[in-house]
PDB file of N, CA and C in Angstrom:
ATOM      1  N   UNK A   1      18.391  -5.776   9.585  1.00  0.00           N
ATOM      2  CA  UNK A   1      17.306  -5.494  10.181  1.00  0.00           C
ATOM      3  C   UNK A   1      16.052  -6.259   9.167  1.00  0.00           C
ATOM      4  N   UNK A   2      15.252  -7.146  10.218  1.00  0.00           N
ATOM      5  CA  UNK A   2      14.203  -7.837   9.589  1.00  0.00           C
ATOM      6  C   UNK A   2      12.885  -6.867   9.076  1.00  0.00           C
ATOM      7  N   UNK A   3      12.251  -7.435   8.053  1.00  0.00           N
ATOM      8  CA  UNK A   3      11.462  -7.060   7.584  1.00  0.00           C
ATOM      9  C   UNK A   3      10.283  -6.227   8.311  1.00  0.00           C
ATOM     10  N   UNK A   4       9.927  -6.997   9.158  1.00  0.00           N
ATOM     11  CA  UNK A   4       8.762  -6.105  10.173  1.00  0.00           C
ATOM     12  C   UNK A   4       9.330  -4.896  10.991  1.00  0.00           C
ATOM     13  N   UNK A   5      10.600  -5.028  11.438  1.00  0.00           N
ATOM     14  CA  UNK A   5      11.329  -3.867  11.938  1.00  0.00           C
ATOM     15  C   UNK A   5      11.462  -2.809  10.883  1.00  0.00           C
ATOM     16  N   UNK A   6      11.835  -3.135   9.770  1.00  0.00           N
ATOM     17  CA  UNK A   6      11.899  -2.138   8.640  1.00  0.00           C
ATOM     18  C   UNK A   6      10.613  -1.321   8.545  1.00  0.00           C
ATOM     19  N   UNK A   7       9.587  -2.343   8.287  1.00  0.00           N
ATOM     20  CA  UNK A   7       8.235  -1.102   8.158  1.00  0.00           C
ATOM     21  C   UNK A   7       7.778  -0.748   9.611  1.00  0.00           C
ATOM     22  N   UNK A   8       8.146  -1.277  10.624  1.00  0.00           N
ATOM     23  CA  UNK A   8       7.720  -0.705  11.885  1.00  0.00           C
ATOM     24  C   UNK A   8       8.174   0.823  11.960  1.00  0.00           C
ATOM     25  N   UNK A   9       9.672   0.699  11.719  1.00  0.00           N
ATOM     26  CA  UNK A   9      10.520   2.031  11.857  1.00  0.00           C
ATOM     27  C   UNK A   9      10.007   3.026  10.889  1.00  0.00           C
ATOM     28  N   UNK A  10       9.915   2.633   9.582  1.00  0.00           N
ATOM     29  CA  UNK A  10       9.385   3.151   8.599  1.00  0.00           C
ATOM     30  C   UNK A  10       7.682   3.873   9.084  1.00  0.00           C
ATOM     31  N   UNK A  11       6.958   3.442   9.576  1.00  0.00           N
ATOM     32  CA  UNK A  11       5.607   3.819   9.896  1.00  0.00           C
ATOM     33  C   UNK A  11       5.910   4.611  11.297  1.00  0.00           C
ATOM     34  N   UNK A  12       6.515   4.533  12.235  1.00  0.00           N
ATOM     35  CA  UNK A  12       6.755   5.330  13.387  1.00  0.00           C
ATOM     36  C   UNK A  12       7.505   6.501  12.831  1.00  0.00           C
ATOM     37  N   UNK A  13       8.276   6.256  11.880  1.00  0.00           N
ATOM     38  CA  UNK A  13       8.763   7.774  11.503  1.00  0.00           C
ATOM     39  C   UNK A  13       8.133   8.828  10.996  1.00  0.00           C
ATOM     40  N   UNK A  14       7.258   8.134  10.406  1.00  0.00           N
ATOM     41  CA  UNK A  14       5.959   9.265   9.767  1.00  0.00           C
ATOM     42  C   UNK A  14       4.888   9.656  10.598  1.00  0.00           C
ATOM     43  N   UNK A  15       4.736   8.775  11.833  1.00  0.00           N
ATOM     44  CA  UNK A  15       3.587   8.971  12.788  1.00  0.00           C
ATOM     45  C   UNK A  15       3.996  10.061  13.815  1.00  0.00           C
ATOM     46  N   UNK A  16       5.200   9.914  13.953  1.00  0.00           N
ATOM     47  CA  UNK A  16       5.868  11.304  14.616  1.00  0.00           C
ATOM     48  C   UNK A  16       5.871  12.452  14.288  1.00  0.00           C
ATOM     49  N   UNK A  17       5.640  12.558  12.900  1.00  0.00           N
ATOM     50  CA  UNK A  17       5.438  13.726  12.128  1.00  0.00           C
ATOM     51  C   UNK A  17       4.281  14.279  11.762  1.00  0.00           C
ATOM     52  N   UNK A  18       3.438  13.553  12.455  1.00  0.00           N
ATOM     53  CA  UNK A  18       2.034  13.739  11.977  1.00  0.00           C
ATOM     54  C   UNK A  18       1.162  13.097  11.226  1.00  0.00           C
ATOM     55  N   UNK A  19       1.866  12.047  10.702  1.00  0.00           N
ATOM     56  CA  UNK A  19       0.868  11.289   9.619  1.00  0.00           C
ATOM     57  C   UNK A  19      -0.217  10.275  10.569  1.00  0.00           C
ATOM     58  N   UNK A  20      -0.990   9.947  10.013  1.00  0.00           N
ATOM     59  CA  UNK A  20      -1.637   8.909  10.689  1.00  0.00           C
ATOM     60  C   UNK A  20      -1.721   7.236   9.877  1.00  0.00           C
ATOM     61  N   UNK A  21      -1.391   6.644  10.346  1.00  0.00           N
ATOM     62  CA  UNK A  21      -1.146   5.099  10.049  1.00  0.00           C
ATOM     63  C   UNK A  21      -3.010   4.528   9.870  1.00  0.00           C
ATOM     64  N   UNK A  22      -3.023   4.050   8.300  1.00  0.00           N
ATOM     65  CA  UNK A  22      -4.034   3.440   8.124  1.00  0.00           C
ATOM     66  C   UNK A  22      -3.316   1.957   8.030  1.00  0.00           C
ATOM     67  N   UNK A  23      -4.483   1.205   7.923  1.00  0.00           N
ATOM     68  CA  UNK A  23      -4.454  -0.052   7.527  1.00  0.00           C
ATOM     69  C   UNK A  23      -4.584  -0.440   6.236  1.00  0.00           C
ATOM     70  N   UNK A  24      -3.673  -1.861   5.545  1.00  0.00           N
ATOM     71  CA  UNK A  24      -3.400  -1.933   4.384  1.00  0.00           C
ATOM     72  C   UNK A  24      -4.990  -2.567   4.407  1.00  0.00           C
ATOM     73  N   UNK A  25      -4.854  -2.686   3.128  1.00  0.00           N
ATOM     74  CA  UNK A  25      -6.274  -3.587   2.380  1.00  0.00           C
ATOM     75  C   UNK A  25      -5.878  -4.913   2.056  1.00  0.00           C
ATOM     76  N   UNK A  26      -6.882  -5.333   1.984  1.00  0.00           N
ATOM     77  CA  UNK A  26      -6.637  -6.920   0.878  1.00  0.00           C
ATOM     78  C   UNK A  26      -6.102  -6.829  -0.489  1.00  0.00           C
ATOM     79  N   UNK A  27      -5.850  -8.161  -0.597  1.00  0.00           N
ATOM     80  CA  UNK A  27      -5.333  -8.375  -2.374  1.00  0.00           C
ATOM     81  C   UNK A  27      -6.496  -7.976  -2.695  1.00  0.00           C
ATOM     82  N   UNK A  28      -7.571  -8.362  -2.428  1.00  0.00           N
ATOM     83  CA  UNK A  28      -9.023  -8.471  -3.295  1.00  0.00           C
ATOM     84  C   UNK A  28      -9.852  -7.704  -3.228  1.00  0.00           C
ATOM     85  N   UNK A  29      -9.770  -6.670  -3.930  1.00  0.00           N
ATOM     86  CA  UNK A  29     -10.464  -5.212  -4.104  1.00  0.00           C
ATOM     87  C   UNK A  29     -11.946  -5.517  -3.529  1.00  0.00           C
ATOM     88  N   UNK A  30     -12.715  -4.537  -2.893  1.00  0.00           N
ATOM     89  CA  UNK A  30     -14.182  -4.564  -2.879  1.00  0.00           C
ATOM     90  C   UNK A  30     -14.818  -4.740  -4.375  1.00  0.00           C
ATOM     91  N   UNK A  31     -16.431  -5.396  -3.973  1.00  0.00           N
ATOM     92  CA  UNK A  31     -17.090  -5.794  -5.125  1.00  0.00           C
ATOM     93  C   UNK A  31     -17.297  -4.396  -6.102  1.00  0.00           C
ATOM     94  N   UNK A  32     -17.206  -4.417  -7.171  1.00  0.00           N
ATOM     95  CA  UNK A  32     -17.465  -3.245  -8.199  1.00  0.00           C
ATOM     96  C   UNK A  32     -16.278  -2.509  -8.643  1.00  0.00           C
ATOM     97  N   UNK A  33     -15.071  -2.890  -7.908  1.00  0.00           N
ATOM     98  CA  UNK A  33     -13.887  -2.197  -8.306  1.00  0.00           C
ATOM     99  C   UNK A  33     -13.659  -2.762  -9.612  1.00  0.00           C
ATOM    100  N   UNK A  34     -12.910  -1.947 -10.556  1.00  0.00           N
ATOM    101  CA  UNK A  34     -12.538  -2.402 -11.905  1.00  0.00           C
ATOM    102  C   UNK A  34     -11.395  -3.379 -12.165  1.00  0.00           C
ATOM    103  N   UNK A  35     -10.488  -3.656 -10.763  1.00  0.00           N
ATOM    104  CA  UNK A  35      -9.184  -4.015 -11.041  1.00  0.00           C
ATOM    105  C   UNK A  35      -9.752  -5.716 -10.152  1.00  0.00           C
ATOM    106  N   UNK A  36      -8.801  -6.422 -10.660  1.00  0.00           N
ATOM    107  CA  UNK A  36      -9.122  -8.100  -9.953  1.00  0.00           C
ATOM    108  C   UNK A  36      -8.411  -8.034  -8.847  1.00  0.00           C
ATOM    109  N   UNK A  37      -6.985  -7.478  -8.179  1.00  0.00           N
ATOM    110  CA  UNK A  37      -6.160  -7.487  -7.516  1.00  0.00           C
ATOM    111  C   UNK A  37      -5.792  -6.217  -7.137  1.00  0.00           C
ATOM    112  N   UNK A  38      -5.056  -5.898  -5.934  1.00  0.00           N
ATOM    113  CA  UNK A  38      -4.253  -5.005  -5.355  1.00  0.00           C
ATOM    114  C   UNK A  38      -2.829  -4.927  -5.858  1.00  0.00           C
ATOM    115  N   UNK A  39      -2.648  -4.013  -6.936  1.00  0.00           N
ATOM    116  CA  UNK A  39      -1.304  -4.132  -7.596  1.00  0.00           C
ATOM    117  C   UNK A  39      -0.694  -3.174  -7.371  1.00  0.00           C
ATOM    118  N   UNK A  40      -1.111  -2.036  -6.352  1.00  0.00           N
ATOM    119  CA  UNK A  40      -0.263  -1.106  -6.287  1.00  0.00           C
ATOM    120  C   UNK A  40      -0.500  -0.442  -4.753  1.00  0.00           C
ATOM    121  N   UNK A  41       0.248   0.031  -3.811  1.00  0.00           N
ATOM    122  CA  UNK A  41       0.187   0.689  -2.903  1.00  0.00           C
ATOM    123  C   UNK A  41      -1.185   2.022  -2.771  1.00  0.00           C
ATOM    124  N   UNK A  42      -0.893   2.448  -3.620  1.00  0.00           N
ATOM    125  CA  UNK A  42      -1.857   3.670  -3.965  1.00  0.00           C
ATOM    126  C   UNK A  42      -3.074   3.386  -4.460  1.00  0.00           C
ATOM    127  N   UNK A  43      -3.555   2.035  -4.830  1.00  0.00           N
ATOM    128  CA  UNK A  43      -4.867   1.486  -5.403  1.00  0.00           C
ATOM    129  C   UNK A  43      -5.958   1.871  -4.193  1.00  0.00           C
ATOM    130  N   UNK A  44      -5.627   1.392  -3.203  1.00  0.00           N
ATOM    131  CA  UNK A  44      -7.060   1.564  -2.012  1.00  0.00           C
ATOM    132  C   UNK A  44      -7.571   3.150  -1.726  1.00  0.00           C
ATOM    133  N   UNK A  45      -6.128   3.816  -1.971  1.00  0.00           N
ATOM    134  CA  UNK A  45      -6.587   5.082  -1.345  1.00  0.00           C
ATOM    135  C   UNK A  45      -7.076   6.097  -2.798  1.00  0.00           C
ATOM    136  N   UNK A  46      -7.331   5.342  -3.807  1.00  0.00           N
ATOM    137  CA  UNK A  46      -7.818   6.478  -5.149  1.00  0.00           C
ATOM    138  C   UNK A  46      -8.814   7.101  -5.189  1.00  0.00           C
ATOM    139  N   UNK A  47     -10.214   6.626  -4.197  1.00  0.00           N
ATOM    140  CA  UNK A  47     -11.195   7.798  -3.891  1.00  0.00           C
ATOM    141  C   UNK A  47     -10.848   9.105  -3.100  1.00  0.00           C
ATOM    142  N   UNK A  48      -9.705   8.455  -2.369  1.00  0.00           N
ATOM    143  CA  UNK A  48      -8.971  10.178  -1.515  1.00  0.00           C
ATOM    144  C   UNK A  48      -8.009  10.935  -2.394  1.00  0.00           C
ATOM    145  N   UNK A  49      -7.319   9.989  -3.356  1.00  0.00           N
ATOM    146  CA  UNK A  49      -6.233  10.720  -4.072  1.00  0.00           C
ATOM    147  C   UNK A  49      -7.061  11.633  -5.386  1.00  0.00           C
ATOM    148  N   UNK A  50      -8.594  11.290  -5.606  1.00  0.00           N
ATOM    149  CA  UNK A  50      -9.375  12.004  -6.267  1.00  0.00           C
ATOM    150  C   UNK A  50     -10.065  12.927  -5.946  1.00  0.00           C
ATOM    151  N   UNK A  51      -9.942  13.415  -4.171  1.00  0.00           N
ATOM    152  CA  UNK A  51     -10.403  14.703  -3.445  1.00  0.00           C
ATOM    153  C   UNK A  51     -11.708  14.148  -2.647  1.00  0.00           C
ATOM    154  N   UNK A  52     -11.860  13.181  -2.371  1.00  0.00           N
ATOM    155  CA  UNK A  52     -12.974  12.956  -1.528  1.00  0.00           C
ATOM    156  C   UNK A  52     -12.142  12.774  -0.196  1.00  0.00           C
ATOM    157  N   UNK A  53     -12.688  13.533   0.964  1.00  0.00           N
ATOM    158  CA  UNK A  53     -11.707  13.240   2.285  1.00  0.00           C
ATOM    159  C   UNK A  53     -11.705  12.223   3.028  1.00  0.00           C
ATOM    160  N   UNK A  54     -10.186  11.940   3.493  1.00  0.00           N
ATOM    161  CA  UNK A  54     -10.023  10.968   4.242  1.00  0.00           C
ATOM    162  C   UNK A  54     -10.525  10.927   5.750  1.00  0.00           C
ATOM    163  N   UNK A  55     -11.346   9.996   6.352  1.00  0.00           N
ATOM    164  CA  UNK A  55     -11.955  10.069   7.647  1.00  0.00           C
ATOM    165  C   UNK A  55     -10.584  10.460   9.011  1.00  0.00           C
ATOM    166  N   UNK A  56      -9.413  10.088   8.297  1.00  0.00           N
ATOM    167  CA  UNK A  56      -8.208  10.248   9.435  1.00  0.00           C
ATOM    168  C   UNK A  56      -7.235  11.434   8.970  1.00  0.00           C
ATOM    169  N   UNK A  57      -7.565  12.188   7.909  1.00  0.00           N
ATOM    170  CA  UNK A  57      -6.994  13.572   7.756  1.00  0.00           C
ATOM    171  C   UNK A  57      -6.588  13.213   6.539  1.00  0.00           C
ATOM    172  N   UNK A  58      -5.206  14.173   6.150  1.00  0.00           N
ATOM    173  CA  UNK A  58      -4.676  14.499   4.630  1.00  0.00           C
ATOM    174  C   UNK A  58      -3.344  14.104   4.754  1.00  0.00           C
ATOM    175  N   UNK A  59      -2.805  13.698   6.049  1.00  0.00           N
ATOM    176  CA  UNK A  59      -1.149  13.143   5.877  1.00  0.00           C
ATOM    177  C   UNK A  59      -1.297  11.459   6.586  1.00  0.00           C
ATOM    178  N   UNK A  60      -1.173  10.497   5.889  1.00  0.00           N
ATOM    179  CA  UNK A  60      -1.349   9.078   5.885  1.00  0.00           C
ATOM    180  C   UNK A  60       0.071   8.244   5.756  1.00  0.00           C
ATOM    181  N   UNK A  61      -0.020   7.513   6.415  1.00  0.00           N
ATOM    182  CA  UNK A  61       0.786   6.265   6.373  1.00  0.00           C
ATOM    183  C   UNK A  61       0.418   4.861   6.182  1.00  0.00           C
ATOM    184  N   UNK A  62       0.880   4.098   5.353  1.00  0.00           N
ATOM    185  CA  UNK A  62       0.868   2.735   5.676  1.00  0.00           C
ATOM    186  C   UNK A  62       1.511   1.540   4.848  1.00  0.00           C
ATOM    187  N   UNK A  63       1.645   0.387   5.047  1.00  0.00           N
ATOM    188  CA  UNK A  63       1.969  -0.980   4.788  1.00  0.00           C
ATOM    189  C   UNK A  63       1.034  -1.628   3.977  1.00  0.00           C
ATOM    190  N   UNK A  64       0.919  -1.689   2.195  1.00  0.00           N
ATOM    191  CA  UNK A  64       0.111  -2.352   1.718  1.00  0.00           C
ATOM    192  C   UNK A  64       0.688  -3.590   0.911  1.00  0.00           C
ATOM    193  N   UNK A  65       0.003  -4.750   1.099  1.00  0.00           N
ATOM    194  CA  UNK A  65       0.146  -6.038   0.268  1.00  0.00           C
ATOM    195  C   UNK A  65      -0.321  -6.044  -1.132  1.00  0.00           C
ATOM    196  N   UNK A  66       0.784  -6.237  -2.038  1.00  0.00           N
ATOM    197  CA  UNK A  66       0.295  -6.376  -3.590  1.00  0.00           C
ATOM    198  C   UNK A  66       0.682  -7.311  -4.438  1.00  0.00           C
ATOM    199  N   UNK A  67       0.336  -7.525  -5.381  1.00  0.00           N
ATOM    200  CA  UNK A  67       0.232  -8.650  -5.940  1.00  0.00           C
ATOM    201  C   UNK A  67       0.616  -7.986  -7.453  1.00  0.00           C
ATOM    202  N   UNK A  68       1.981  -8.777  -7.856  1.00  0.00           N
ATOM    203  CA  UNK A  68       2.559  -8.252  -9.265  1.00  0.00           C
ATOM    204  C   UNK A  68       1.529  -9.025 -10.019  1.00  0.00           C
ATOM    205  N   UNK A  69       1.155  -8.607 -11.243  1.00  0.00           N
ATOM    206  CA  UNK A  69       0.535  -9.437 -12.241  1.00  0.00           C
ATOM    207  C   UNK A  69       0.762  -8.873 -13.645  1.00  0.00           C
ATOM    208  N   UNK A  70       1.896  -8.222 -13.897  1.00  0.00           N
ATOM    209  CA  UNK A  70       2.146  -7.473 -15.321  1.00  0.00           C
ATOM    210  C   UNK A  70       3.160  -8.512 -16.015  1.00  0.00           C
ATOM    211  N   UNK A  71       3.681  -9.246 -15.073  1.00  0.00           N
ATOM    212  CA  UNK A  71       4.990 -10.225 -15.936  1.00  0.00           C
ATOM    213  C   UNK A  71       4.928 -11.474 -14.987  1.00  0.00           C
ATOM    214  N   UNK A  72       3.669 -12.084 -15.069  1.00  0.00           N
ATOM    215  CA  UNK A  72       3.534 -13.268 -14.400  1.00  0.00           C
ATOM    216  C   UNK A  72       4.611 -14.459 -14.547  1.00  0.00           C
ATOM    217  N   UNK A  73       4.721 -14.619 -16.207  1.00  0.00           N
ATOM    218  CA  UNK A  73       5.532 -15.250 -16.486  1.00  0.00           C
ATOM    219  C   UNK A  73       6.947 -15.314 -16.274  1.00  0.00           C
ATOM    220  N   UNK A  74       7.155 -14.416 -15.932  1.00  0.00           N
ATOM    221  CA  UNK A  74       8.792 -14.100 -15.265  1.00  0.00           C
ATOM    222  C   UNK A  74       8.633 -14.423 -13.766  1.00  0.00           C
ATOM    223  N   UNK A  75       7.777 -14.280 -13.280  1.00  0.00           N
ATOM    224  CA  UNK A  75       8.019 -14.368 -11.537  1.00  0.00           C
ATOM    225  C   UNK A  75       8.515 -15.527 -11.372  1.00  0.00           C
ATOM    226  N   UNK A  76       9.358 -15.688 -10.385  1.00  0.00           N
ATOM    227  CA  UNK A  76      10.299 -16.920  -9.725  1.00  0.00           C
ATOM    228  C   UNK A  76      11.562 -17.030 -10.275  1.00  0.00           C
ATOM    229  N   UNK A  77      12.184 -15.895 -11.128  1.00  0.00           N
ATOM    230  CA  UNK A  77      13.533 -15.693 -11.241  1.00  0.00           C
ATOM    231  C   UNK A  77      13.933 -15.087 -10.214  1.00  0.00           C
ATOM    232  N   UNK A  78      15.080 -14.535 -10.250  1.00  0.00           N
ATOM    233  CA  UNK A  78      15.898 -14.001  -9.183  1.00  0.00           C
ATOM    234  C   UNK A  78      15.590 -12.651  -9.271  1.00  0.00           C
ATOM    235  N   UNK A  79      14.645 -11.837  -9.890  1.00  0.00           N
ATOM    236  CA  UNK A  79      14.496 -10.678 -10.136  1.00  0.00           C
ATOM    237  C   UNK A  79      12.775 -10.340 -10.103  1.00  0.00           C
ATOM    238  N   UNK A  80      11.990 -11.522  -9.568  1.00  0.00           N
ATOM    239  CA  UNK A  80      10.905 -11.141  -9.922  1.00  0.00           C
ATOM    240  C   UNK A  80       9.982 -11.580  -8.900  1.00  0.00           C
ATOM    241  N   UNK A  81       9.125 -10.996  -8.201  1.00  0.00           N
ATOM    242  CA  UNK A  81       8.230 -11.536  -6.732  1.00  0.00           C
ATOM    243  C   UNK A  81       6.825 -11.446  -7.170  1.00  0.00           C
ATOM    244  N   UNK A  82       5.789 -12.111  -6.628  1.00  0.00           N
ATOM    245  CA  UNK A  82       4.779 -12.118  -7.127  1.00  0.00           C
ATOM    246  C   UNK A  82       3.944 -11.118  -5.989  1.00  0.00           C
ATOM    247  N   UNK A  83       4.102 -11.521  -4.681  1.00  0.00           N
ATOM    248  CA  UNK A  83       3.645 -11.068  -3.434  1.00  0.00           C
ATOM    249  C   UNK A  83       4.379  -9.711  -3.149  1.00  0.00           C
ATOM    250  N   UNK A  84       4.292  -8.884  -2.608  1.00  0.00           N
ATOM    251  CA  UNK A  84       5.116  -8.263  -1.811  1.00  0.00           C
ATOM    252  C   UNK A  84       4.431  -6.877  -0.877  1.00  0.00           C
ATOM    253  N   UNK A  85       4.874  -6.230  -0.250  1.00  0.00           N
ATOM    254  CA  UNK A  85       4.428  -4.951   0.595  1.00  0.00           C
ATOM    255  C   UNK A  85       4.912  -3.702   0.126  1.00  0.00           C
ATOM    256  N   UNK A  86       4.286  -2.512  -0.189  1.00  0.00           N
ATOM    257  CA  UNK A  86       4.684  -1.143  -0.360  1.00  0.00           C
ATOM    258  C   UNK A  86       4.517  -0.400   0.665  1.00  0.00           C
ATOM    259  N   UNK A  87       5.583   0.532   1.275  1.00  0.00           N
ATOM    260  CA  UNK A  87       5.477   1.444   2.217  1.00  0.00           C
ATOM    261  C   UNK A  87       5.245   2.920   1.564  1.00  0.00           C
ATOM    262  N   UNK A  88       4.205   3.322   2.118  1.00  0.00           N
ATOM    263  CA  UNK A  88       3.964   4.315   1.613  1.00  0.00           C
ATOM    264  C   UNK A  88       3.459   5.781   2.729  1.00  0.00           C
ATOM    265  N   UNK A  89       3.727   6.932   2.168  1.00  0.00           N
ATOM    266  CA  UNK A  89       3.345   8.188   2.902  1.00  0.00           C
ATOM    267  C   UNK A  89       2.169   8.731   1.627  1.00  0.00           C
ATOM    268  N   UNK A  90       1.206   9.319   2.088  1.00  0.00           N
ATOM    269  CA  UNK A  90       0.227  10.023   1.477  1.00  0.00           C
ATOM    270  C   UNK A  90       0.049  11.391   1.867  1.00  0.00           C
ATOM    271  N   UNK A  91       0.181  12.491   1.001  1.00  0.00           N
ATOM    272  CA  UNK A  91      -0.493  13.887   1.377  1.00  0.00           C
ATOM    273  C   UNK A  91      -1.405  14.082   0.714  1.00  0.00           C
ATOM    274  N   UNK A  92      -2.828  13.871   1.106  1.00  0.00           N
ATOM    275  CA  UNK A  92      -3.684  14.334   0.007  1.00  0.00           C
ATOM    276  C   UNK A  92      -4.360  15.730   0.253  1.00  0.00           C
TER     277      UNK A  92
END
């Protein structure tokens, strides 16, 4: 199974169960955000995880690009990646 098919299957599974698909954010958070890069799939949803209502509801699914920064000196070996995508389901 290719990456695109895996992500599509994951998202469609949760959409069939009532989750709303949200688009992933960029790797660079908006101005004023305290982090330099999006390092986790949940980061763009922080305001909603803290209680603000999301415009699409309480059950969401997404694919979020992330940048690994905690161990950049080890990136490039057989077990460390720099950029990856996280699949996420969210019940706010």
